[in-house]
């Protein structure tokens, strides 16, 4: 799943560490999310969206694979 988390975080001028503290996760989790190595739980996705006052779909971009 692609996401715009790094772009949005930088627009708000906060570090990975600051975001991690607010969301009660590790900085490594934020880095993994931003690099697409990790997809968030639905709870974490909601926390991130609520923090930035955005819809989940504005941050996390689901692209269904067409067969």
N, C-alpha and C. Protein backbone atom coordinates (compact mmCIF):
# COMPACT_ATOMS: atom_id res chain seq x y z
N UNK A 1 0.85 -1.18 0.00
CA UNK A 1 0.00 0.00 0.00
C UNK A 1 0.90 1.24 0.00
N UNK A 2 0.63 2.14 -0.90
CA UNK A 2 1.38 3.39 -0.94
C UNK A 2 0.78 4.37 0.06
N UNK A 3 1.60 5.35 0.45
CA UNK A 3 1.09 6.37 1.37
C UNK A 3 1.83 7.68 1.18
N UNK A 4 1.23 8.72 1.71
CA UNK A 4 1.80 10.07 1.64
C UNK A 4 2.26 10.55 3.01
N UNK A 5 2.51 9.61 3.91
CA UNK A 5 2.81 9.97 5.30
C UNK A 5 4.03 10.88 5.42
N UNK A 6 5.12 10.53 4.77
CA UNK A 6 6.33 11.35 4.88
C UNK A 6 6.07 12.77 4.38
N UNK A 7 5.43 12.89 3.25
CA UNK A 7 5.12 14.21 2.68
C UNK A 7 4.25 15.03 3.64
N UNK A 8 3.23 14.42 4.18
CA UNK A 8 2.31 15.12 5.09
C UNK A 8 3.03 15.50 6.38
N UNK A 9 3.82 14.56 6.92
CA UNK A 9 4.55 14.83 8.16
C UNK A 9 5.47 16.02 7.98
N UNK A 10 6.18 16.07 6.85
CA UNK A 10 7.11 17.17 6.60
C UNK A 10 6.38 18.50 6.40
N UNK A 11 5.19 18.45 5.78
CA UNK A 11 4.39 19.67 5.64
C UNK A 11 4.03 20.25 7.00
N UNK A 12 3.81 19.38 7.98
CA UNK A 12 3.47 19.82 9.32
C UNK A 12 4.70 20.18 10.14
N UNK A 13 5.89 19.91 9.59
CA UNK A 13 7.14 20.28 10.25
C UNK A 13 7.45 19.48 11.49
N UNK A 14 7.07 18.21 11.49
CA UNK A 14 7.38 17.38 12.65
C UNK A 14 8.29 16.22 12.25
N UNK A 15 9.09 15.79 13.19
CA UNK A 15 10.04 14.70 12.93
C UNK A 15 9.35 13.35 13.09
N UNK A 16 10.03 12.32 12.61
CA UNK A 16 9.53 10.96 12.81
C UNK A 16 9.40 10.68 14.30
N UNK A 17 10.38 11.12 15.07
CA UNK A 17 10.37 10.88 16.52
C UNK A 17 9.17 11.55 17.19
N UNK A 18 8.88 12.79 16.81
CA UNK A 18 7.73 13.50 17.39
C UNK A 18 6.42 12.79 17.06
N UNK A 19 6.27 12.37 15.80
CA UNK A 19 5.05 11.67 15.41
C UNK A 19 4.94 10.34 16.14
N UNK A 20 6.04 9.64 16.25
CA UNK A 20 6.06 8.36 16.97
C UNK A 20 5.61 8.54 18.42
N UNK A 21 6.10 9.58 19.07
CA UNK A 21 5.73 9.85 20.46
C UNK A 21 4.23 10.09 20.60
N UNK A 22 3.68 10.89 19.71
CA UNK A 22 2.24 11.20 19.75
C UNK A 22 1.41 9.94 19.54
N UNK A 23 1.85 9.09 18.62
CA UNK A 23 1.08 7.89 18.26
C UNK A 23 1.40 6.69 19.15
N UNK A 24 2.39 6.85 20.03
CA UNK A 24 2.82 5.80 20.94
C UNK A 24 3.33 4.57 20.19
N UNK A 25 4.17 4.83 19.19
CA UNK A 25 4.86 3.77 18.45
C UNK A 25 6.33 4.15 18.38
N UNK A 26 7.16 3.28 17.84
CA UNK A 26 8.59 3.59 17.73
C UNK A 26 8.85 4.45 16.48
N UNK A 27 9.99 5.13 16.49
CA UNK A 27 10.39 5.90 15.33
C UNK A 27 10.61 4.96 14.14
N UNK A 28 11.09 3.74 14.43
CA UNK A 28 11.31 2.76 13.37
C UNK A 28 9.99 2.39 12.69
N UNK A 29 8.90 2.36 13.44
CA UNK A 29 7.58 2.07 12.86
C UNK A 29 7.19 3.16 11.88
N UNK A 30 7.43 4.41 12.25
CA UNK A 30 7.10 5.52 11.35
C UNK A 30 7.96 5.43 10.09
N UNK A 31 9.23 5.14 10.24
CA UNK A 31 10.12 4.99 9.09
C UNK A 31 9.67 3.85 8.17
N UNK A 32 9.28 2.75 8.76
CA UNK A 32 8.81 1.60 7.97
C UNK A 32 7.51 1.91 7.24
N UNK A 33 6.63 2.65 7.89
CA UNK A 33 5.39 3.08 7.23
C UNK A 33 5.71 3.96 6.03
N UNK A 34 6.57 4.94 6.24
CA UNK A 34 6.90 5.89 5.19
C UNK A 34 7.58 5.21 4.00
N UNK A 35 8.36 4.17 4.26
CA UNK A 35 9.08 3.47 3.19
C UNK A 35 8.27 2.34 2.57
N UNK A 36 7.05 2.14 3.05
CA UNK A 36 6.19 1.11 2.49
C UNK A 36 6.55 -0.30 2.89
N UNK A 37 7.39 -0.46 3.91
CA UNK A 37 7.76 -1.79 4.37
C UNK A 37 6.74 -2.36 5.35
N UNK A 38 5.83 -1.51 5.82
CA UNK A 38 4.88 -1.91 6.85
C UNK A 38 3.55 -1.23 6.57
N UNK A 39 2.47 -1.99 6.62
CA UNK A 39 1.12 -1.41 6.51
C UNK A 39 0.55 -1.28 7.91
N UNK A 40 -0.07 -0.15 8.21
CA UNK A 40 -0.56 0.07 9.57
C UNK A 40 -1.79 -0.76 9.88
N UNK A 41 -1.98 -1.02 11.16
CA UNK A 41 -3.25 -1.60 11.60
C UNK A 41 -4.33 -0.55 11.36
N UNK A 42 -5.55 -0.96 11.33
CA UNK A 42 -6.64 0.00 11.12
C UNK A 42 -6.66 1.03 12.25
N UNK A 43 -6.36 0.61 13.46
CA UNK A 43 -6.33 1.53 14.60
C UNK A 43 -5.24 2.58 14.41
N UNK A 44 -4.05 2.16 14.00
CA UNK A 44 -2.97 3.11 13.79
C UNK A 44 -3.28 4.05 12.62
N UNK A 45 -3.88 3.52 11.57
CA UNK A 45 -4.26 4.37 10.43
C UNK A 45 -5.25 5.45 10.88
N UNK A 46 -6.22 5.08 11.71
CA UNK A 46 -7.17 6.07 12.24
C UNK A 46 -6.47 7.11 13.11
N UNK A 47 -5.53 6.67 13.96
CA UNK A 47 -4.80 7.61 14.82
C UNK A 47 -4.02 8.62 13.99
N UNK A 48 -3.36 8.12 12.94
CA UNK A 48 -2.58 9.00 12.08
C UNK A 48 -3.49 10.00 11.38
N UNK A 49 -4.59 9.52 10.81
CA UNK A 49 -5.53 10.39 10.11
C UNK A 49 -6.12 11.43 11.05
N UNK A 50 -6.49 11.02 12.24
CA UNK A 50 -7.07 11.95 13.21
C UNK A 50 -6.05 13.01 13.62
N UNK A 51 -4.81 12.60 13.81
CA UNK A 51 -3.76 13.55 14.20
C UNK A 51 -3.60 14.65 13.15
N UNK A 52 -3.63 14.27 11.88
CA UNK A 52 -3.44 15.24 10.81
C UNK A 52 -4.75 15.86 10.32
N UNK A 53 -5.87 15.49 10.93
CA UNK A 53 -7.19 16.00 10.54
C UNK A 53 -7.48 15.70 9.07
N UNK A 54 -7.16 14.48 8.65
CA UNK A 54 -7.38 14.05 7.28
C UNK A 54 -8.14 12.72 7.28
N UNK A 55 -8.71 12.39 6.13
CA UNK A 55 -9.32 11.08 5.96
C UNK A 55 -8.20 10.06 5.72
N UNK A 56 -8.42 8.84 6.15
CA UNK A 56 -7.43 7.78 5.94
C UNK A 56 -7.03 7.71 4.47
N UNK A 57 -8.01 7.83 3.58
CA UNK A 57 -7.76 7.72 2.15
C UNK A 57 -6.87 8.84 1.61
N UNK A 58 -6.76 9.94 2.35
CA UNK A 58 -5.88 11.03 1.93
C UNK A 58 -4.41 10.74 2.26
N UNK A 59 -4.20 9.78 3.14
CA UNK A 59 -2.84 9.43 3.56
C UNK A 59 -2.41 8.10 2.95
N UNK A 60 -3.28 7.11 3.06
CA UNK A 60 -2.97 5.76 2.59
C UNK A 60 -3.72 5.49 1.30
N UNK A 61 -2.98 5.13 0.26
CA UNK A 61 -3.54 4.98 -1.07
C UNK A 61 -3.63 3.50 -1.44
N UNK A 62 -4.84 2.99 -1.42
CA UNK A 62 -5.06 1.59 -1.76
C UNK A 62 -5.25 1.45 -3.25
N UNK A 63 -4.46 0.60 -3.85
CA UNK A 63 -4.58 0.35 -5.28
C UNK A 63 -4.88 -1.13 -5.46
N UNK A 64 -6.11 -1.40 -5.87
CA UNK A 64 -6.51 -2.78 -6.06
C UNK A 64 -5.83 -3.34 -7.30
N UNK A 65 -5.33 -4.54 -7.17
CA UNK A 65 -4.67 -5.19 -8.29
C UNK A 65 -5.73 -5.72 -9.25
N UNK A 66 -5.64 -5.30 -10.49
CA UNK A 66 -6.61 -5.75 -11.50
C UNK A 66 -6.04 -6.96 -12.22
N UNK A 67 -6.84 -8.02 -12.29
CA UNK A 67 -6.35 -9.26 -12.91
C UNK A 67 -6.97 -9.45 -14.27
